[in-house]
Amino acid sequence: MTFYKIGVLLFTLTIGISLKAQDETPLKTSEYFESPLIGRSYTAPPKGQGSPYLFDSWLNGSVMLINGDTVKNRLFKLDCFKNEFLWMSDGKSIIALDHNLISGFTLFPSNGSAERNFVKTSLKLPMLSDTFVRYLEVLALGEINLYAYRKVTVSTEPTIGSNGGLYQFLIYENEPYYFIQSGNRSVKQVKFQKKSIIGAYPDLSIQLKKVLRENHSGGIKNEYQLKQAIITVNSNWN
């Protein structure tokens, strides 16, 4: 089962953001595709320190539409600050794709590292106050599924310009959230702690504690170690 299908099973995909009809312009990707990519013109966030994007460069990727069609070999970018999935439609026009038509997407980093897979959800996530559509990166799948919400926040810092005037300098910062889900159980936020994983599901706590104690001796201090802990759980689950 592909991560897209799993993502659809795990998260109830509902309409979270409605785009005004006058802002939507059907844009056919090519004559070879029946399904057009639809969206609206995109305005980039103001420049500042750091980046609002998952990757600053445009990446080759594929997007899976809710009708089951997949559009491949196009240039895409994820704006983590505005939560927009972007398409470079003709080498110069940037389109923010309609969330309602997307079920997930894959990006292929140009440095040769592993592909990055995302699913869409409009489910209310723990610790977040709204139910906006979000794209969650799939980090691990199995008995316990691990997802990352690549949130970027912005703050301002007063700075004196070259002309002596005072202005606000923007600072973009990565602030990811991590979530797990097991079967039909509710989504739980987890942190870089074993007890966070073990305590997420009381009915699984004994098994989780046993597996982690016997197979994962190290601590969890970063995303990589969190991912490896969940992979260990899935590899040793009985």
Protein backbone atom coordinates (compact mmCIF):
# COMPACT_ATOMS: atom_id res chain seq x y z
CA MET A 1 0.00 0.00 0.00
CA THR A 2 1.47 3.36 -0.96
CA PHE A 3 1.98 6.14 1.56
CA TYR A 4 -0.73 8.11 -0.20
CA LYS A 5 -3.34 5.41 0.38
CA ILE A 6 -2.19 4.96 3.93
CA GLY A 7 -2.37 8.68 4.46
CA VAL A 8 -5.93 8.71 3.18
CA LEU A 9 -6.87 5.93 5.59
CA LEU A 10 -5.17 7.60 8.54
CA PHE A 11 -6.49 11.09 8.10
CA THR A 12 -9.99 12.21 7.17
CA LEU A 13 -9.44 14.43 4.19
CA THR A 14 -12.02 17.20 4.11
CA ILE A 15 -12.22 20.58 2.50
CA GLY A 16 -10.25 22.94 4.73
CA ILE A 17 -9.61 25.99 2.57
CA SER A 18 -12.04 27.30 -0.06
CA LEU A 19 -10.58 29.31 -2.87
CA LYS A 20 -12.75 31.98 -4.43
CA ALA A 21 -13.91 31.03 -7.88
CA GLN A 22 -12.63 34.22 -9.41
CA ASP A 23 -9.12 33.46 -8.11
CA GLU A 24 -9.00 30.01 -9.66
CA THR A 25 -7.64 29.57 -13.15
CA PRO A 26 -7.53 26.06 -14.66
CA LEU A 27 -4.02 25.39 -15.90
CA LYS A 28 -3.39 22.28 -17.94
CA THR A 29 -0.04 20.71 -17.25
CA SER A 30 0.20 19.36 -20.78
CA GLU A 31 -1.94 17.82 -23.46
CA TYR A 32 -0.99 14.38 -22.16
CA PHE A 33 -2.77 14.80 -18.83
CA GLU A 34 -6.53 14.70 -18.45
CA SER A 35 -6.50 16.36 -15.04
CA PRO A 36 -5.41 20.00 -14.96
CA LEU A 37 -3.58 21.56 -12.05
CA ILE A 38 -5.72 24.34 -10.63
CA GLY A 39 -4.70 27.19 -8.38
CA ARG A 40 -4.19 30.91 -8.06
CA SER A 41 -1.38 33.40 -8.44
CA TYR A 42 1.09 33.26 -5.57
CA THR A 43 2.70 36.13 -3.72
CA ALA A 44 5.93 35.20 -1.95
CA PRO A 45 6.48 36.18 1.70
CA PRO A 46 8.77 39.19 2.26
CA LYS A 47 12.48 38.45 2.32
CA GLY A 48 14.27 38.08 5.61
CA GLN A 49 16.73 35.98 7.53
CA GLY A 50 16.09 32.26 7.10
CA SER A 51 13.62 30.81 4.62
CA PRO A 52 9.86 30.26 4.51
CA TYR A 53 10.37 27.24 2.21
CA LEU A 54 11.19 23.60 2.80
CA PHE A 55 13.77 23.98 0.01
CA ASP A 56 14.65 27.33 -1.55
CA SER A 57 15.18 25.78 -4.97
CA TRP A 58 12.47 24.34 -7.20
CA LEU A 59 12.46 20.54 -7.11
CA ASN A 60 11.26 17.87 -9.46
CA GLY A 61 8.24 16.17 -7.99
CA SER A 62 4.87 14.56 -8.44
CA VAL A 63 1.48 15.44 -7.03
CA MET A 64 -1.39 13.00 -6.45
CA LEU A 65 -4.84 14.45 -6.99
CA ILE A 66 -7.94 13.38 -5.09
CA ASN A 67 -9.37 11.79 -8.25
CA GLY A 68 -6.45 9.31 -8.24
CA ASP A 69 -4.48 10.90 -11.06
CA THR A 70 -0.79 11.69 -10.60
CA VAL A 71 0.99 14.56 -12.32
CA LYS A 72 4.72 13.83 -12.57
CA ASN A 73 7.95 15.56 -13.55
CA ARG A 74 6.97 19.11 -12.72
CA LEU A 75 8.74 21.75 -10.64
CA PHE A 76 7.30 22.23 -7.15
CA LYS A 77 8.09 24.00 -3.89
CA LEU A 78 6.54 23.90 -0.42
CA ASP A 79 5.97 27.21 1.35
CA CYS A 80 5.98 26.14 5.03
CA PHE A 81 5.15 29.64 6.29
CA LYS A 82 1.99 30.17 4.22
CA ASN A 83 1.26 26.42 3.98
CA GLU A 84 1.09 26.51 0.19
CA PHE A 85 2.19 23.87 -2.32
CA LEU A 86 3.58 25.72 -5.34
CA TRP A 87 3.93 24.84 -8.99
CA MET A 88 6.19 26.56 -11.52
CA SER A 89 3.74 26.33 -14.37
CA ASP A 90 5.63 27.68 -17.38
CA GLY A 91 9.12 28.50 -16.17
CA LYS A 92 8.08 31.85 -14.70
CA SER A 93 4.48 31.77 -13.39
CA ILE A 94 4.12 30.55 -9.78
CA ILE A 95 0.80 28.95 -8.89
CA ALA A 96 -0.42 28.10 -5.37
CA LEU A 97 -2.25 24.84 -6.03
CA ASP A 98 -5.80 24.34 -4.81
CA HIS A 99 -5.60 22.33 -1.57
CA ASN A 100 -8.99 20.76 -2.30
CA LEU A 101 -7.65 18.84 -5.30
CA ILE A 102 -4.49 17.41 -3.69
CA SER A 103 -4.18 14.25 -1.61
CA GLY A 104 -0.38 14.19 -1.37
CA PHE A 105 2.89 14.84 -3.14
CA THR A 106 6.53 13.79 -3.41
CA LEU A 107 9.59 15.99 -3.80
CA PHE A 108 12.97 14.78 -5.05
CA PRO A 109 15.85 16.81 -3.55
CA SER A 110 18.46 17.81 -6.11
CA ASN A 111 21.31 16.73 -3.80
CA GLY A 112 20.40 13.08 -4.28
CA SER A 113 19.03 12.54 -0.77
CA ALA A 114 15.89 10.48 -0.17
CA GLU A 115 12.58 11.59 -1.61
CA ARG A 116 10.26 13.57 0.67
CA ASN A 117 6.68 12.30 0.86
CA PHE A 118 3.73 14.33 2.13
CA VAL A 119 0.05 13.68 2.76
CA LYS A 120 -2.70 16.25 3.21
CA THR A 121 -4.92 16.43 6.25
CA SER A 122 -7.52 18.82 7.56
CA LEU A 123 -7.85 16.93 10.83
CA LYS A 124 -7.44 19.07 13.94
CA LEU A 125 -3.97 18.31 15.24
CA PRO A 126 -3.04 18.29 18.94
CA MET A 127 -1.64 21.58 20.29
CA LEU A 128 -2.86 23.48 17.23
CA SER A 129 -6.01 25.53 17.56
CA ASP A 130 -7.46 25.25 14.07
CA THR A 131 -8.37 22.70 11.43
CA PHE A 132 -6.73 24.29 8.41
CA VAL A 133 -5.50 22.03 5.66
CA ARG A 134 -1.89 21.03 6.30
CA TYR A 135 0.71 18.95 4.53
CA LEU A 136 2.42 16.42 6.79
CA GLU A 137 5.68 14.73 5.90
CA VAL A 138 5.64 10.95 6.27
CA LEU A 139 8.68 9.91 8.33
CA ALA A 140 7.79 6.30 9.23
CA LEU A 141 4.93 3.88 8.65
CA GLY A 142 3.97 0.71 10.48
CA GLU A 143 2.29 -0.11 13.78
CA ILE A 144 3.16 3.48 14.70
CA ASN A 145 3.13 6.10 11.96
CA LEU A 146 5.24 9.22 12.39
CA TYR A 147 4.55 12.54 10.68
CA ALA A 148 6.16 15.97 10.73
CA TYR A 149 4.38 19.26 10.21
CA ARG A 150 7.07 21.56 8.76
CA LYS A 151 5.86 24.77 10.31
CA VAL A 152 7.83 27.99 9.82
CA THR A 153 7.19 30.99 12.05
CA VAL A 154 8.29 34.58 11.61
CA SER A 155 9.42 37.18 14.11
CA THR A 156 10.63 40.75 13.69
CA GLU A 157 13.67 42.56 14.93
CA PRO A 158 14.11 46.34 14.78
CA THR A 159 17.05 47.22 12.54
CA ILE A 160 18.60 50.48 11.40
CA GLY A 161 18.87 50.72 7.63
CA SER A 162 21.65 52.26 5.55
CA ASN A 163 19.73 55.52 5.42
CA GLY A 164 19.54 55.66 9.20
CA GLY A 165 15.87 54.77 9.31
CA LEU A 166 14.42 52.14 11.64
CA TYR A 167 12.62 49.18 10.09
CA GLN A 168 11.51 45.68 11.05
CA PHE A 169 13.78 42.86 9.90
CA LEU A 170 11.97 39.53 9.40
CA ILE A 171 13.37 36.30 10.81
CA TYR A 172 11.98 32.98 9.59
CA GLU A 173 12.46 30.03 11.93
CA ASN A 174 11.73 26.32 11.57
CA GLU A 175 9.32 25.10 14.23
CA PRO A 176 8.36 21.53 13.30
CA TYR A 177 5.72 19.52 15.14
CA TYR A 178 5.76 15.72 15.29
CA PHE A 179 2.74 13.46 15.42
CA ILE A 180 2.14 9.72 15.69
CA GLN A 181 -0.88 7.57 14.98
CA SER A 182 -1.52 3.89 15.58
CA GLY A 183 -4.37 2.17 13.79
CA ASN A 184 -7.64 4.03 14.31
CA ARG A 185 -6.40 5.74 17.46
CA SER A 186 -6.33 9.51 17.66
CA VAL A 187 -3.35 11.52 16.49
CA LYS A 188 -0.90 12.39 19.28
CA GLN A 189 1.87 14.95 19.37
CA VAL A 190 5.26 13.61 20.48
CA LYS A 191 8.49 15.26 21.53
CA PHE A 192 12.12 14.18 21.67
CA GLN A 193 11.50 11.89 24.64
CA LYS A 194 10.85 8.16 24.97
CA LYS A 195 8.22 8.83 27.62
CA SER A 196 6.36 10.98 25.09
CA ILE A 197 6.05 7.98 22.76
CA ILE A 198 5.24 5.51 25.54
CA GLY A 199 2.63 7.78 27.09
CA ALA A 200 0.85 8.61 23.85
CA TYR A 201 -1.33 5.50 23.92
CA PRO A 202 -1.97 4.04 27.41
CA ASP A 203 -3.26 0.77 25.97
CA LEU A 204 0.05 0.27 24.11
CA SER A 205 2.37 1.63 26.79
CA ILE A 206 3.55 -1.76 28.11
CA GLN A 207 4.42 -3.02 24.64
CA LEU A 208 6.02 0.27 23.61
CA LYS A 209 8.13 0.41 26.75
CA LYS A 210 9.24 -3.19 26.29
CA VAL A 211 10.23 -2.74 22.63
CA LEU A 212 12.11 0.50 23.26
CA ARG A 213 13.89 -0.86 26.33
CA GLU A 214 15.05 -4.00 24.52
CA ASN A 215 15.88 -2.53 21.13
CA HIS A 216 16.61 1.18 21.49
CA SER A 217 19.23 1.95 24.11
CA GLY A 218 20.01 5.51 23.02
CA GLY A 219 18.22 8.71 23.86
CA ILE A 220 16.06 10.89 21.62
CA LYS A 221 17.41 14.38 21.13
CA ASN A 222 16.57 15.20 17.52
CA GLU A 223 14.35 14.29 14.58
CA TYR A 224 16.65 11.57 13.28
CA GLN A 225 16.68 9.78 16.63
CA LEU A 226 12.91 10.12 16.96
CA LYS A 227 12.46 8.61 13.52
CA GLN A 228 14.85 5.76 14.32
CA ALA A 229 12.99 5.04 17.55
CA ILE A 230 9.67 4.70 15.69
CA ILE A 231 11.31 2.56 13.00
CA THR A 232 12.70 0.34 15.78
CA VAL A 233 9.25 0.00 17.31
CA ASN A 234 7.74 -0.98 13.96
CA SER A 235 10.52 -3.46 13.20
CA ASN A 236 10.16 -5.25 16.54
CA TRP A 237 6.42 -5.09 17.11
CA ASN A 238 4.74 -8.42 17.86
